[in-house]
Every structure is written in structure tokens, then in C-alpha cells.
Protein backbone atom coordinates (compact mmCIF):
# COMPACT_ATOMS: atom_id res chain seq x y z
CA UNK A 1 0.00 0.00 0.00
CA UNK A 2 1.65 3.18 -1.19
CA UNK A 3 0.67 6.54 0.24
CA UNK A 4 1.20 9.47 -2.02
CA UNK A 5 1.26 13.01 -0.83
CA UNK A 6 0.89 16.02 -2.99
CA UNK A 7 3.46 18.74 -2.70
CA UNK A 8 0.87 20.93 -0.91
CA UNK A 9 0.15 18.16 1.62
CA UNK A 10 3.83 17.68 2.25
CA UNK A 11 4.34 21.44 2.66
CA UNK A 12 1.42 21.65 5.10
CA UNK A 13 2.74 18.75 7.17
CA UNK A 14 6.24 20.26 7.15
CA UNK A 15 4.85 23.61 8.32
CA UNK A 16 2.90 21.88 11.10
CA UNK A 17 6.00 20.00 12.16
CA UNK A 18 8.08 23.18 12.15
CA UNK A 19 5.41 25.01 14.16
CA UNK A 20 5.32 22.19 16.72
CA UNK A 21 9.13 22.20 16.93
CA UNK A 22 9.19 25.96 17.58
CA UNK A 23 6.52 25.62 20.29
CA UNK A 24 8.48 22.84 21.98
CA UNK A 25 11.73 24.79 21.73
CA UNK A 26 10.03 27.80 23.36
CA UNK A 27 8.58 25.59 26.12
CA UNK A 28 12.02 24.07 26.66
CA UNK A 29 13.57 27.53 27.04
CA UNK A 30 10.91 28.52 29.59
CA UNK A 31 11.39 25.29 31.53
CA UNK A 32 15.16 25.82 31.58
CA UNK A 33 14.63 29.31 33.01
CA UNK A 34 12.27 27.94 35.67
CA UNK A 35 14.77 25.22 36.54
CA UNK A 36 17.58 27.74 36.88
CA UNK A 37 15.44 29.96 39.12
CA UNK A 38 14.49 26.96 41.26
CA UNK A 39 18.11 25.88 41.59
CA UNK A 40 19.12 29.39 42.64
CA UNK A 41 16.33 29.46 45.22
CA UNK A 42 17.41 26.04 46.52
CA UNK A 43 21.00 27.21 46.86
CA UNK A 44 19.86 30.36 48.66
CA UNK A 45 17.73 28.32 51.06
CA UNK A 46 20.65 25.98 51.74
CA UNK A 47 22.83 28.96 52.66
CA UNK A 48 20.13 30.35 54.94
CA UNK A 49 19.76 26.93 56.57
CA UNK A 50 23.51 26.69 57.15
CA UNK A 51 23.52 30.17 58.70
CA UNK A 52 20.59 29.29 60.95
CA UNK A 53 22.29 26.07 62.05
CA UNK A 54 25.45 28.03 62.84
CA UNK A 55 23.45 30.50 64.95
CA UNK A 56 21.71 27.67 66.79
CA UNK A 57 25.03 25.91 67.41
CA UNK A 58 26.40 29.17 68.82
CA UNK A 59 23.40 29.53 71.11
CA UNK A 60 23.69 25.91 72.26
CA UNK A 61 27.38 26.44 73.01
CA UNK A 62 26.45 29.40 75.23
CA UNK A 63 24.03 27.37 77.37
CA UNK A 64 25.22 26.42 80.83
CA UNK A 65 26.76 22.94 80.79
CA UNK A 66 25.27 21.58 84.02
CA UNK A 67 21.91 23.27 84.05
CA UNK A 68 20.07 20.17 85.36
CA UNK A 69 22.67 19.63 88.10
CA UNK A 70 22.44 23.31 89.03
CA UNK A 71 18.65 23.02 89.34
CA UNK A 72 18.97 19.94 91.55
CA UNK A 73 21.44 21.75 93.81
CA UNK A 74 18.98 24.62 94.26
CA UNK A 75 16.17 22.23 95.22
CA UNK A 76 18.32 20.63 97.94
CA UNK A 77 19.17 23.99 99.51
């Protein structure tokens, strides 16, 4: 079974294919931009998390070491 296309049919199908390709290329570009923005946001959030952890570690280091023992000593007195 042989399918024959006229030159007009072939041109129309080629135009449709080209149009679809351009739409997909545009969508790809937009998705790449969204991905880049998301990666930058992730990196920024990681830095903020690291800074917050550092602040918490600093605060923990400043806590009295024997706070529970100190409380027990006060109750005995």
C-alpha cells in the first residue's frame, strides 16, 4: 500500500512539524529558566539553613553545661 502526498500536503505537514518544533523549543527555554530559578532558590535556602544552624550551634554552646545539676542543687538547699 503506497501513500502518495501532494506537494501541498507535504508542505502543510512540514509547516505543522516546524510550528510544533518551535513551540516545543520555546517551552524548553521557559522550563530551563524555571529550573535555573528553582536551583538558585534552593541554593539560597541551603545557605540560609547553614547560617541558621550556625546561629543555633552558637546559642547551644552558650548554654550552661550543668543546668540540670544546678537546678537539683537549688532544690536541695
